[in-house]
Amino acid sequence: MKISPYFYDLCSAYQAELDDLVSDSEGNDVLRKRLAEKRNEIAFLVQMMELAPEMVAVAFHRGFRFVKPAAVEHLLGLPIDDLPDWHSLTHAITLEPWATSLAQTVLREPQGARFMAVAAGLEYLQQHARMASAASLHAEGEGEADDADDAAEHEDGYDALSADDAVDPKNSRGREEASSNWLSDVGFDRKE
């Protein structure tokens, strides 16, 4: 599967946005609390859909069900100008009940239908990052206890792109390299 430059660039920005929401300055896990705050601010956040879609898309974290992955993977290969609107994807992607009211708010905006497609694509990539991490643990022969610890750590849907993601998040080159490594590991072509 190929991923368009648009989604390639947004993928790491989306993951970085989730990373920023995970813990407070004292290291406490605050992802659920911060996601709830984002969701309550959706009417305000829609103003940033085009400028910073990753900042709005996190409000939909864990809000999609992908019933036809092939359609989503096709979406991920499209350039921004060719992205379909949300209504043409509802056969392949459904919303969790709690996300429906958020979507209605977004869909009232002029670019809302296209944004929903972008948000779904970003969440699909993030979910597959988790699956790739779990698969690599099994491939390396990690024990069941380690797998259980890993699953517990990432219960809220947060996961690093790869082991290289431990690099200082302020180091964008390290983050880009981690993102590139992860995408390559799960079958995407490397951005040259």
N, C-alpha and C. Protein backbone atom coordinates (compact mmCIF):
# COMPACT_ATOMS: atom_id res chain seq x y z
N MET A 1 0.84 -1.18 0.00
CA MET A 1 0.00 0.00 0.00
C MET A 1 0.88 1.25 0.00
N LYS A 2 0.48 2.22 -0.78
CA LYS A 2 1.19 3.49 -0.82
C LYS A 2 0.43 4.52 0.00
N ILE A 3 1.19 5.42 0.58
CA ILE A 3 0.58 6.50 1.34
C ILE A 3 0.98 7.81 0.69
N SER A 4 0.04 8.70 0.52
CA SER A 4 0.32 9.98 -0.14
C SER A 4 1.21 10.84 0.75
N PRO A 5 1.94 11.78 0.13
CA PRO A 5 2.76 12.69 0.94
C PRO A 5 1.93 13.45 1.98
N TYR A 6 0.69 13.77 1.64
CA TYR A 6 -0.18 14.48 2.58
C TYR A 6 -0.37 13.67 3.86
N PHE A 7 -0.78 12.41 3.73
CA PHE A 7 -0.98 11.58 4.92
C PHE A 7 0.35 11.21 5.56
N TYR A 8 1.38 11.06 4.77
CA TYR A 8 2.70 10.74 5.33
C TYR A 8 3.13 11.82 6.32
N ASP A 9 2.99 13.08 5.90
CA ASP A 9 3.37 14.20 6.76
C ASP A 9 2.46 14.33 7.97
N LEU A 10 1.15 14.16 7.75
CA LEU A 10 0.20 14.30 8.85
C LEU A 10 0.29 13.18 9.87
N CYS A 11 0.71 12.01 9.44
CA CYS A 11 0.77 10.85 10.34
C CYS A 11 1.64 11.15 11.56
N SER A 12 2.83 11.68 11.35
CA SER A 12 3.71 11.95 12.48
C SER A 12 3.19 13.13 13.30
N ALA A 13 2.56 14.10 12.65
CA ALA A 13 1.99 15.24 13.39
C ALA A 13 0.83 14.77 14.28
N TYR A 14 0.02 13.84 13.77
CA TYR A 14 -1.09 13.29 14.54
C TYR A 14 -0.56 12.51 15.75
N GLN A 15 0.45 11.69 15.51
CA GLN A 15 1.04 10.92 16.62
C GLN A 15 1.66 11.87 17.65
N ALA A 16 2.31 12.92 17.19
CA ALA A 16 2.90 13.89 18.12
C ALA A 16 1.81 14.58 18.94
N GLU A 17 0.70 14.88 18.31
CA GLU A 17 -0.42 15.50 19.03
C GLU A 17 -0.95 14.56 20.11
N LEU A 18 -1.10 13.29 19.78
CA LEU A 18 -1.52 12.31 20.79
C LEU A 18 -0.48 12.19 21.90
N ASP A 19 0.78 12.18 21.52
CA ASP A 19 1.86 12.11 22.52
C ASP A 19 1.77 13.27 23.51
N ASP A 20 1.47 14.46 22.98
CA ASP A 20 1.37 15.65 23.84
C ASP A 20 0.20 15.56 24.82
N LEU A 21 -0.84 14.81 24.45
CA LEU A 21 -2.02 14.71 25.30
C LEU A 21 -1.91 13.64 26.38
N VAL A 22 -0.95 12.75 26.25
CA VAL A 22 -0.88 11.57 27.10
C VAL A 22 -0.60 11.87 28.57
N SER A 23 0.37 12.73 28.85
CA SER A 23 0.73 12.94 30.25
C SER A 23 0.92 14.42 30.56
N ASP A 24 0.74 14.73 31.83
CA ASP A 24 0.95 16.11 32.26
C ASP A 24 2.41 16.31 32.65
N SER A 25 2.74 17.48 33.16
CA SER A 25 4.13 17.80 33.49
C SER A 25 4.68 16.93 34.62
N GLU A 26 3.80 16.29 35.38
CA GLU A 26 4.24 15.42 36.46
C GLU A 26 4.28 13.96 36.03
N GLY A 27 3.99 13.70 34.77
CA GLY A 27 4.05 12.34 34.26
C GLY A 27 2.79 11.52 34.47
N ASN A 28 1.72 12.15 34.93
CA ASN A 28 0.45 11.45 35.14
C ASN A 28 -0.25 11.22 33.81
N ASP A 29 -0.91 10.06 33.68
CA ASP A 29 -1.65 9.73 32.46
C ASP A 29 -2.94 10.54 32.46
N VAL A 30 -3.05 11.47 31.51
CA VAL A 30 -4.22 12.35 31.43
C VAL A 30 -4.87 12.31 30.04
N LEU A 31 -4.59 11.27 29.27
CA LEU A 31 -5.11 11.20 27.90
C LEU A 31 -6.64 11.30 27.88
N ARG A 32 -7.33 10.49 28.66
CA ARG A 32 -8.80 10.53 28.63
C ARG A 32 -9.34 11.90 28.97
N LYS A 33 -8.77 12.51 30.00
CA LYS A 33 -9.22 13.84 30.43
C LYS A 33 -9.01 14.86 29.31
N ARG A 34 -7.83 14.84 28.71
CA ARG A 34 -7.53 15.83 27.66
C ARG A 34 -8.34 15.58 26.39
N LEU A 35 -8.59 14.31 26.07
CA LEU A 35 -9.46 14.03 24.91
C LEU A 35 -10.87 14.52 25.17
N ALA A 36 -11.36 14.35 26.39
CA ALA A 36 -12.70 14.85 26.74
C ALA A 36 -12.75 16.37 26.59
N GLU A 37 -11.68 17.06 26.99
CA GLU A 37 -11.62 18.51 26.84
C GLU A 37 -11.66 18.89 25.36
N LYS A 38 -10.87 18.19 24.55
CA LYS A 38 -10.86 18.47 23.10
C LYS A 38 -12.25 18.28 22.51
N ARG A 39 -12.91 17.20 22.91
CA ARG A 39 -14.24 16.90 22.38
C ARG A 39 -15.25 17.96 22.79
N ASN A 40 -15.11 18.49 23.99
CA ASN A 40 -16.00 19.57 24.44
C ASN A 40 -15.75 20.88 23.71
N GLU A 41 -14.56 21.02 23.15
CA GLU A 41 -14.18 22.25 22.44
C GLU A 41 -14.34 22.13 20.92
N ILE A 42 -15.00 21.09 20.44
CA ILE A 42 -15.03 20.83 18.99
C ILE A 42 -15.60 22.02 18.20
N ALA A 43 -16.59 22.72 18.73
CA ALA A 43 -17.17 23.86 18.01
C ALA A 43 -16.12 24.94 17.76
N PHE A 44 -15.19 25.11 18.69
CA PHE A 44 -14.10 26.05 18.51
C PHE A 44 -13.00 25.47 17.62
N LEU A 45 -12.67 24.21 17.85
CA LEU A 45 -11.56 23.57 17.14
C LEU A 45 -11.77 23.47 15.63
N VAL A 46 -13.03 23.43 15.18
CA VAL A 46 -13.27 23.30 13.74
C VAL A 46 -12.65 24.44 12.94
N GLN A 47 -12.36 25.54 13.59
CA GLN A 47 -11.71 26.66 12.91
C GLN A 47 -10.30 26.30 12.44
N MET A 48 -9.72 25.25 13.03
CA MET A 48 -8.35 24.86 12.70
C MET A 48 -8.28 23.65 11.76
N MET A 49 -9.42 23.21 11.22
CA MET A 49 -9.44 21.99 10.40
C MET A 49 -8.46 22.03 9.23
N GLU A 50 -8.36 23.15 8.58
CA GLU A 50 -7.48 23.22 7.41
C GLU A 50 -6.05 23.56 7.80
N LEU A 51 -5.88 24.42 8.77
CA LEU A 51 -4.54 24.85 9.18
C LEU A 51 -3.78 23.77 9.94
N ALA A 52 -4.46 23.10 10.87
CA ALA A 52 -3.82 22.08 11.70
C ALA A 52 -4.80 20.92 11.91
N PRO A 53 -5.05 20.13 10.87
CA PRO A 53 -6.05 19.06 10.99
C PRO A 53 -5.75 18.04 12.07
N GLU A 54 -4.47 17.82 12.36
CA GLU A 54 -4.12 16.84 13.38
C GLU A 54 -4.60 17.28 14.77
N MET A 55 -4.66 18.58 15.01
CA MET A 55 -5.10 19.07 16.31
C MET A 55 -6.60 18.87 16.52
N VAL A 56 -7.36 18.84 15.44
CA VAL A 56 -8.80 18.62 15.52
C VAL A 56 -9.10 17.12 15.45
N ALA A 57 -8.35 16.41 14.63
CA ALA A 57 -8.60 14.98 14.41
C ALA A 57 -8.46 14.17 15.69
N VAL A 58 -7.62 14.60 16.62
CA VAL A 58 -7.46 13.83 17.86
C VAL A 58 -8.75 13.75 18.65
N ALA A 59 -9.66 14.67 18.45
CA ALA A 59 -10.96 14.61 19.13
C ALA A 59 -11.71 13.34 18.75
N PHE A 60 -11.39 12.78 17.57
CA PHE A 60 -12.05 11.57 17.09
C PHE A 60 -11.23 10.30 17.40
N HIS A 61 -10.20 10.44 18.22
CA HIS A 61 -9.36 9.28 18.56
C HIS A 61 -10.23 8.15 19.11
N ARG A 62 -10.12 6.99 18.49
CA ARG A 62 -10.88 5.79 18.83
C ARG A 62 -12.38 5.94 18.54
N GLY A 63 -12.71 6.83 17.62
CA GLY A 63 -14.10 7.08 17.30
C GLY A 63 -14.58 6.46 15.99
N PHE A 64 -13.70 5.75 15.30
CA PHE A 64 -14.06 5.14 14.01
C PHE A 64 -13.98 3.62 14.09
N ARG A 65 -14.83 2.97 13.30
CA ARG A 65 -14.73 1.53 13.07
C ARG A 65 -14.52 1.35 11.57
N PHE A 66 -13.51 0.61 11.23
CA PHE A 66 -13.14 0.42 9.83
C PHE A 66 -13.67 -0.93 9.35
N VAL A 67 -14.81 -0.91 8.66
CA VAL A 67 -15.45 -2.15 8.23
C VAL A 67 -14.95 -2.62 6.86
N LYS A 68 -14.39 -1.71 6.08
CA LYS A 68 -13.81 -2.06 4.78
C LYS A 68 -12.44 -1.40 4.66
N PRO A 69 -11.42 -2.04 5.23
CA PRO A 69 -10.07 -1.44 5.24
C PRO A 69 -9.54 -1.09 3.86
N ALA A 70 -9.89 -1.84 2.83
CA ALA A 70 -9.37 -1.56 1.49
C ALA A 70 -9.77 -0.15 1.04
N ALA A 71 -10.98 0.27 1.37
CA ALA A 71 -11.43 1.62 0.99
C ALA A 71 -10.62 2.68 1.73
N VAL A 72 -10.30 2.41 2.98
CA VAL A 72 -9.51 3.37 3.76
C VAL A 72 -8.08 3.41 3.22
N GLU A 73 -7.53 2.26 2.89
CA GLU A 73 -6.17 2.22 2.35
C GLU A 73 -6.10 2.94 1.00
N HIS A 74 -7.15 2.86 0.22
CA HIS A 74 -7.20 3.61 -1.05
C HIS A 74 -7.18 5.11 -0.74
N LEU A 75 -7.99 5.52 0.24
CA LEU A 75 -8.04 6.92 0.66
C LEU A 75 -6.65 7.44 1.03
N LEU A 76 -5.89 6.64 1.75
CA LEU A 76 -4.57 7.05 2.24
C LEU A 76 -3.57 7.30 1.12
N GLY A 77 -3.82 6.76 -0.05
CA GLY A 77 -2.92 6.97 -1.17
C GLY A 77 -3.25 8.19 -2.02
N LEU A 78 -4.35 8.86 -1.71
CA LEU A 78 -4.81 9.98 -2.54
C LEU A 78 -4.18 11.30 -2.12
N PRO A 79 -3.91 12.17 -3.11
CA PRO A 79 -3.46 13.52 -2.76
C PRO A 79 -4.62 14.31 -2.16
N ILE A 80 -4.32 15.38 -1.48
CA ILE A 80 -5.33 16.15 -0.76
C ILE A 80 -6.47 16.62 -1.66
N ASP A 81 -6.16 17.00 -2.88
CA ASP A 81 -7.20 17.52 -3.78
C ASP A 81 -8.15 16.43 -4.27
N ASP A 82 -7.76 15.17 -4.15
CA ASP A 82 -8.60 14.07 -4.63
C ASP A 82 -9.32 13.32 -3.51
N LEU A 83 -9.21 13.81 -2.28
CA LEU A 83 -9.84 13.11 -1.17
C LEU A 83 -11.36 13.13 -1.31
N PRO A 84 -11.99 11.99 -1.09
CA PRO A 84 -13.46 11.95 -1.13
C PRO A 84 -14.03 12.60 0.13
N ASP A 85 -15.31 12.90 0.09
CA ASP A 85 -15.90 13.43 1.31
C ASP A 85 -16.41 12.28 2.18
N TRP A 86 -16.74 12.61 3.39
CA TRP A 86 -17.13 11.63 4.38
C TRP A 86 -18.31 10.77 3.92
N HIS A 87 -19.27 11.39 3.28
CA HIS A 87 -20.49 10.68 2.90
C HIS A 87 -20.21 9.52 1.95
N SER A 88 -19.18 9.62 1.16
CA SER A 88 -18.85 8.52 0.23
C SER A 88 -18.08 7.39 0.93
N LEU A 89 -17.71 7.59 2.18
CA LEU A 89 -16.95 6.59 2.93
C LEU A 89 -17.77 5.88 4.00
N THR A 90 -19.00 6.27 4.20
CA THR A 90 -19.77 5.71 5.30
C THR A 90 -20.08 4.23 5.12
N HIS A 91 -19.91 3.70 3.93
CA HIS A 91 -20.06 2.24 3.73
C HIS A 91 -18.84 1.49 4.27
N ALA A 92 -17.71 2.19 4.39
CA ALA A 92 -16.45 1.57 4.79
C ALA A 92 -16.03 1.93 6.21
N ILE A 93 -16.53 3.05 6.71
CA ILE A 93 -16.14 3.56 8.02
C ILE A 93 -17.40 3.97 8.76
N THR A 94 -17.53 3.51 9.98
CA THR A 94 -18.65 3.95 10.81
C THR A 94 -18.10 4.65 12.05
N LEU A 95 -18.95 5.46 12.64
CA LEU A 95 -18.57 6.19 13.84
C LEU A 95 -19.05 5.46 15.08
N GLU A 96 -18.27 5.54 16.13
CA GLU A 96 -18.72 5.08 17.43
C GLU A 96 -19.87 6.02 17.83
N PRO A 97 -20.83 5.53 18.59
CA PRO A 97 -21.98 6.37 18.95
C PRO A 97 -21.60 7.72 19.56
N TRP A 98 -20.60 7.74 20.44
CA TRP A 98 -20.22 9.00 21.08
C TRP A 98 -19.65 10.02 20.09
N ALA A 99 -19.12 9.56 18.96
CA ALA A 99 -18.49 10.46 17.98
C ALA A 99 -19.49 11.08 17.01
N THR A 100 -20.71 10.59 17.00
CA THR A 100 -21.71 11.07 16.04
C THR A 100 -21.99 12.56 16.21
N SER A 101 -22.17 13.02 17.44
CA SER A 101 -22.47 14.45 17.63
C SER A 101 -21.27 15.31 17.26
N LEU A 102 -20.06 14.82 17.52
CA LEU A 102 -18.86 15.56 17.09
C LEU A 102 -18.85 15.70 15.58
N ALA A 103 -19.16 14.60 14.90
CA ALA A 103 -19.15 14.60 13.44
C ALA A 103 -20.19 15.58 12.90
N GLN A 104 -21.35 15.64 13.52
CA GLN A 104 -22.40 16.56 13.06
C GLN A 104 -21.91 18.00 13.14
N THR A 105 -21.21 18.33 14.21
CA THR A 105 -20.64 19.68 14.35
C THR A 105 -19.64 19.95 13.24
N VAL A 106 -18.77 19.00 12.98
CA VAL A 106 -17.75 19.17 11.94
C VAL A 106 -18.38 19.26 10.55
N LEU A 107 -19.37 18.43 10.29
CA LEU A 107 -19.98 18.37 8.96
C LEU A 107 -20.77 19.63 8.61
N ARG A 108 -21.07 20.47 9.58
CA ARG A 108 -21.74 21.75 9.31
C ARG A 108 -20.78 22.76 8.67
N GLU A 109 -19.49 22.50 8.80
CA GLU A 109 -18.48 23.41 8.27
C GLU A 109 -18.26 23.15 6.77
N PRO A 110 -17.87 24.18 6.01
CA PRO A 110 -17.68 24.01 4.55
C PRO A 110 -16.72 22.88 4.17
N GLN A 111 -15.64 22.70 4.91
CA GLN A 111 -14.67 21.64 4.60
C GLN A 111 -14.81 20.43 5.52
N GLY A 112 -15.91 20.37 6.25
CA GLY A 112 -16.11 19.32 7.23
C GLY A 112 -16.14 17.91 6.67
N ALA A 113 -16.78 17.73 5.51
CA ALA A 113 -16.89 16.38 4.93
C ALA A 113 -15.52 15.85 4.52
N ARG A 114 -14.68 16.71 3.98
CA ARG A 114 -13.33 16.27 3.62
C ARG A 114 -12.49 16.03 4.88
N PHE A 115 -12.65 16.91 5.87
CA PHE A 115 -11.91 16.73 7.12
C PHE A 115 -12.22 15.39 7.77
N MET A 116 -13.46 14.98 7.77
CA MET A 116 -13.83 13.71 8.39
C MET A 116 -13.09 12.55 7.72
N ALA A 117 -12.90 12.63 6.41
CA ALA A 117 -12.13 11.61 5.69
C ALA A 117 -10.67 11.63 6.16
N VAL A 118 -10.13 12.83 6.35
CA VAL A 118 -8.75 12.97 6.83
C VAL A 118 -8.62 12.40 8.24
N ALA A 119 -9.55 12.75 9.12
CA ALA A 119 -9.51 12.26 10.50
C ALA A 119 -9.57 10.74 10.54
N ALA A 120 -10.44 10.16 9.72
CA ALA A 120 -10.55 8.70 9.67
C ALA A 120 -9.25 8.08 9.18
N GLY A 121 -8.64 8.67 8.16
CA GLY A 121 -7.37 8.15 7.65
C GLY A 121 -6.26 8.20 8.68
N LEU A 122 -6.19 9.30 9.42
CA LEU A 122 -5.17 9.43 10.46
C LEU A 122 -5.38 8.42 11.58
N GLU A 123 -6.62 8.22 11.96
CA GLU A 123 -6.89 7.25 13.03
C GLU A 123 -6.60 5.82 12.55
N TYR A 124 -6.88 5.53 11.30
CA TYR A 124 -6.57 4.21 10.74
C TYR A 124 -5.06 3.96 10.80
N LEU A 125 -4.27 4.96 10.41
CA LEU A 125 -2.82 4.82 10.47
C LEU A 125 -2.34 4.63 11.91
N GLN A 126 -2.93 5.36 12.84
CA GLN A 126 -2.53 5.25 14.24
C GLN A 126 -2.88 3.87 14.79
N GLN A 127 -4.05 3.36 14.46
CA GLN A 127 -4.44 2.03 14.93
C GLN A 127 -3.51 0.97 14.37
N HIS A 128 -3.09 1.14 13.14
CA HIS A 128 -2.18 0.16 12.56
C HIS A 128 -0.78 0.27 13.12
N ALA A 129 -0.42 1.41 13.65
CA ALA A 129 0.87 1.54 14.34
C ALA A 129 0.87 0.65 15.57
N ARG A 130 -0.24 0.62 16.30
CA ARG A 130 -0.35 -0.24 17.48
C ARG A 130 -0.25 -1.70 17.09
N MET A 131 -0.98 -2.08 16.04
CA MET A 131 -0.96 -3.49 15.62
C MET A 131 0.44 -3.90 15.18
N ALA A 132 1.14 -3.01 14.49
CA ALA A 132 2.50 -3.31 14.04
C ALA A 132 3.42 -3.51 15.24
N SER A 133 3.25 -2.69 16.28
CA SER A 133 4.08 -2.84 17.48
C SER A 133 3.82 -4.18 18.15
N ALA A 134 2.56 -4.56 18.26
CA ALA A 134 2.21 -5.84 18.88
C ALA A 134 2.76 -7.00 18.06
N ALA A 135 2.67 -6.90 16.75
CA ALA A 135 3.18 -7.97 15.88
C ALA A 135 4.69 -8.09 16.00
N SER A 136 5.40 -6.97 16.12
CA SER A 136 6.86 -7.04 16.23
C SER A 136 7.27 -7.65 17.56
N LEU A 137 6.51 -7.42 18.62
CA LEU A 137 6.82 -8.05 19.90
C LEU A 137 6.72 -9.57 19.79
N HIS A 138 5.69 -10.06 19.13
CA HIS A 138 5.53 -11.51 18.96
C HIS A 138 6.64 -12.07 18.08
N ALA A 139 7.01 -11.33 17.05
CA ALA A 139 8.04 -11.79 16.13
C ALA A 139 9.40 -11.89 16.83
N GLU A 140 9.64 -11.01 17.80
CA GLU A 140 10.92 -11.01 18.50
C GLU A 140 10.95 -12.01 19.64
N GLY A 141 9.82 -12.69 19.89
CA GLY A 141 9.79 -13.73 20.91
C GLY A 141 9.64 -13.21 22.32
N GLU A 142 9.04 -12.02 22.49
CA GLU A 142 8.80 -11.49 23.82
C GLU A 142 7.83 -12.40 24.55
N GLY A 143 7.92 -12.44 25.85
CA GLY A 143 7.04 -13.28 26.66
C GLY A 143 5.63 -12.72 26.76
N GLU A 144 4.71 -13.58 27.18
CA GLU A 144 3.32 -13.16 27.31
C GLU A 144 3.16 -12.07 28.36
N ALA A 145 3.92 -12.11 29.41
CA ALA A 145 3.81 -11.08 30.45
C ALA A 145 4.17 -9.71 29.87
N ASP A 146 5.24 -9.67 29.03
CA ASP A 146 5.63 -8.42 28.41
C ASP A 146 4.53 -7.91 27.50
N ASP A 147 3.90 -8.81 26.74
CA ASP A 147 2.82 -8.42 25.85
C ASP A 147 1.66 -7.86 26.65
N ALA A 148 1.34 -8.46 27.79
CA ALA A 148 0.25 -7.97 28.62
C ALA A 148 0.58 -6.59 29.17
N ASP A 149 1.82 -6.39 29.59
CA ASP A 149 2.24 -5.07 30.08
C ASP A 149 2.11 -4.04 28.98
N ASP A 150 2.54 -4.41 27.76
CA ASP A 150 2.46 -3.50 26.63
C ASP A 150 1.01 -3.14 26.33
N ALA A 151 0.13 -4.13 26.35
CA ALA A 151 -1.28 -3.88 26.07
C ALA A 151 -1.87 -2.97 27.15
N ALA A 152 -1.50 -3.18 28.40
CA ALA A 152 -2.02 -2.34 29.48
C ALA A 152 -1.53 -0.90 29.34
N GLU A 153 -0.26 -0.74 28.97
CA GLU A 153 0.29 0.60 28.81
C GLU A 153 -0.45 1.38 27.74
N HIS A 154 -0.91 0.68 26.71
CA HIS A 154 -1.49 1.35 25.55
C HIS A 154 -2.99 1.16 25.46
N GLU A 155 -3.61 0.94 26.59
CA GLU A 155 -5.05 0.71 26.63
C GLU A 155 -5.84 1.88 26.06
N ASP A 156 -5.37 3.08 26.25
CA ASP A 156 -6.08 4.25 25.77
C ASP A 156 -5.83 4.54 24.30
N GLY A 157 -5.15 3.67 23.59
CA GLY A 157 -4.91 3.88 22.17
C GLY A 157 -3.61 4.61 21.89
N TYR A 158 -2.87 4.97 22.91
CA TYR A 158 -1.60 5.65 22.72
C TYR A 158 -0.54 4.61 22.42
N ASP A 159 0.27 4.87 21.45
CA ASP A 159 1.39 3.98 21.18
C ASP A 159 2.45 4.76 20.43
N ALA A 160 3.67 4.40 20.66
CA ALA A 160 4.78 5.02 19.94
C ALA A 160 4.87 4.41 18.56
N LEU A 161 5.47 5.16 17.64
CA LEU A 161 5.61 4.65 16.28
C LEU A 161 6.58 3.49 16.23
N SER A 162 7.62 3.55 17.01
CA SER A 162 8.59 2.47 17.03
C SER A 162 9.49 2.67 18.24
N ALA A 163 10.43 1.76 18.41
CA ALA A 163 11.37 1.91 19.52
C ALA A 163 12.19 3.18 19.37
N ASP A 164 12.40 3.62 18.14
CA ASP A 164 13.17 4.84 17.90
C ASP A 164 12.44 6.08 18.39
N ASP A 165 11.15 5.95 18.70
CA ASP A 165 10.36 7.09 19.12
C ASP A 165 10.78 7.60 20.50
N ALA A 166 11.63 6.85 21.20
CA ALA A 166 12.13 7.30 22.49
C ALA A 166 13.05 8.50 22.32
N VAL A 167 13.41 8.79 21.08
CA VAL A 167 14.23 9.95 20.78
C VAL A 167 13.49 11.20 21.28
N ASP A 168 14.22 12.19 21.74
CA ASP A 168 13.63 13.43 22.23
C ASP A 168 12.60 13.96 21.23
N PRO A 169 11.32 14.15 21.64
CA PRO A 169 10.31 14.61 20.71
C PRO A 169 10.60 15.98 20.13
N LYS A 170 11.47 16.75 20.78
CA LYS A 170 11.84 18.05 20.23
C LYS A 170 12.76 17.89 19.03
N ASN A 171 13.35 16.72 18.90
CA ASN A 171 14.24 16.44 17.79
C ASN A 171 13.39 15.94 16.62
N SER A 172 12.96 16.86 15.75
CA SER A 172 12.05 16.47 14.68
C SER A 172 12.70 15.49 13.71
N ARG A 173 14.00 15.58 13.53
CA ARG A 173 14.67 14.63 12.64
C ARG A 173 14.54 13.20 13.17
N GLY A 174 14.71 13.02 14.49
CA GLY A 174 14.55 11.71 15.11
C GLY A 174 13.13 11.21 14.97
N ARG A 175 12.15 12.10 15.14
CA ARG A 175 10.75 11.72 14.99
C ARG A 175 10.45 11.34 13.54
N GLU A 176 10.97 12.12 12.60
CA GLU A 176 10.75 11.79 11.18
C GLU A 176 11.37 10.45 10.84
N GLU A 177 12.55 10.18 11.38
CA GLU A 177 13.19 8.91 11.12
C GLU A 177 12.38 7.76 11.73
N ALA A 178 11.89 7.95 12.94
CA ALA A 178 11.06 6.93 13.58
C ALA A 178 9.80 6.68 12.77
N SER A 179 9.20 7.76 12.29
CA SER A 179 7.99 7.64 11.48
C SER A 179 8.30 6.90 10.18
N SER A 180 9.39 7.26 9.55
CA SER A 180 9.79 6.60 8.31
C SER A 180 10.06 5.12 8.52
N ASN A 181 10.75 4.80 9.63
CA ASN A 181 11.02 3.39 9.95
C ASN A 181 9.74 2.61 10.15
N TRP A 182 8.81 3.19 10.90
CA TRP A 182 7.55 2.50 11.16
C TRP A 182 6.79 2.27 9.86
N LEU A 183 6.66 3.32 9.05
CA LEU A 183 5.91 3.19 7.80
C LEU A 183 6.53 2.14 6.89
N SER A 184 7.84 2.10 6.85
CA SER A 184 8.53 1.10 6.04
C SER A 184 8.28 -0.31 6.58
N ASP A 185 8.30 -0.44 7.91
CA ASP A 185 8.09 -1.75 8.54
C ASP A 185 6.70 -2.32 8.26
N VAL A 186 5.71 -1.46 8.08
CA VAL A 186 4.35 -1.96 7.84
C VAL A 186 3.98 -1.95 6.36
N GLY A 187 4.97 -1.74 5.50
CA GLY A 187 4.74 -1.94 4.07
C GLY A 187 4.58 -0.70 3.22
N PHE A 188 4.74 0.49 3.79
CA PHE A 188 4.65 1.71 2.98
C PHE A 188 6.00 1.98 2.32
N ASP A 189 5.94 2.65 1.18
CA ASP A 189 7.17 3.06 0.51
C ASP A 189 7.79 4.20 1.30
N ARG A 190 9.12 4.19 1.37
CA ARG A 190 9.83 5.26 2.08
C ARG A 190 9.76 6.54 1.26
N LYS A 191 9.60 7.65 1.99
CA LYS A 191 9.62 8.97 1.36
C LYS A 191 11.10 9.32 1.16
N GLU A 192 11.48 9.57 -0.04
CA GLU A 192 12.89 9.83 -0.33
C GLU A 192 13.18 11.30 -0.41
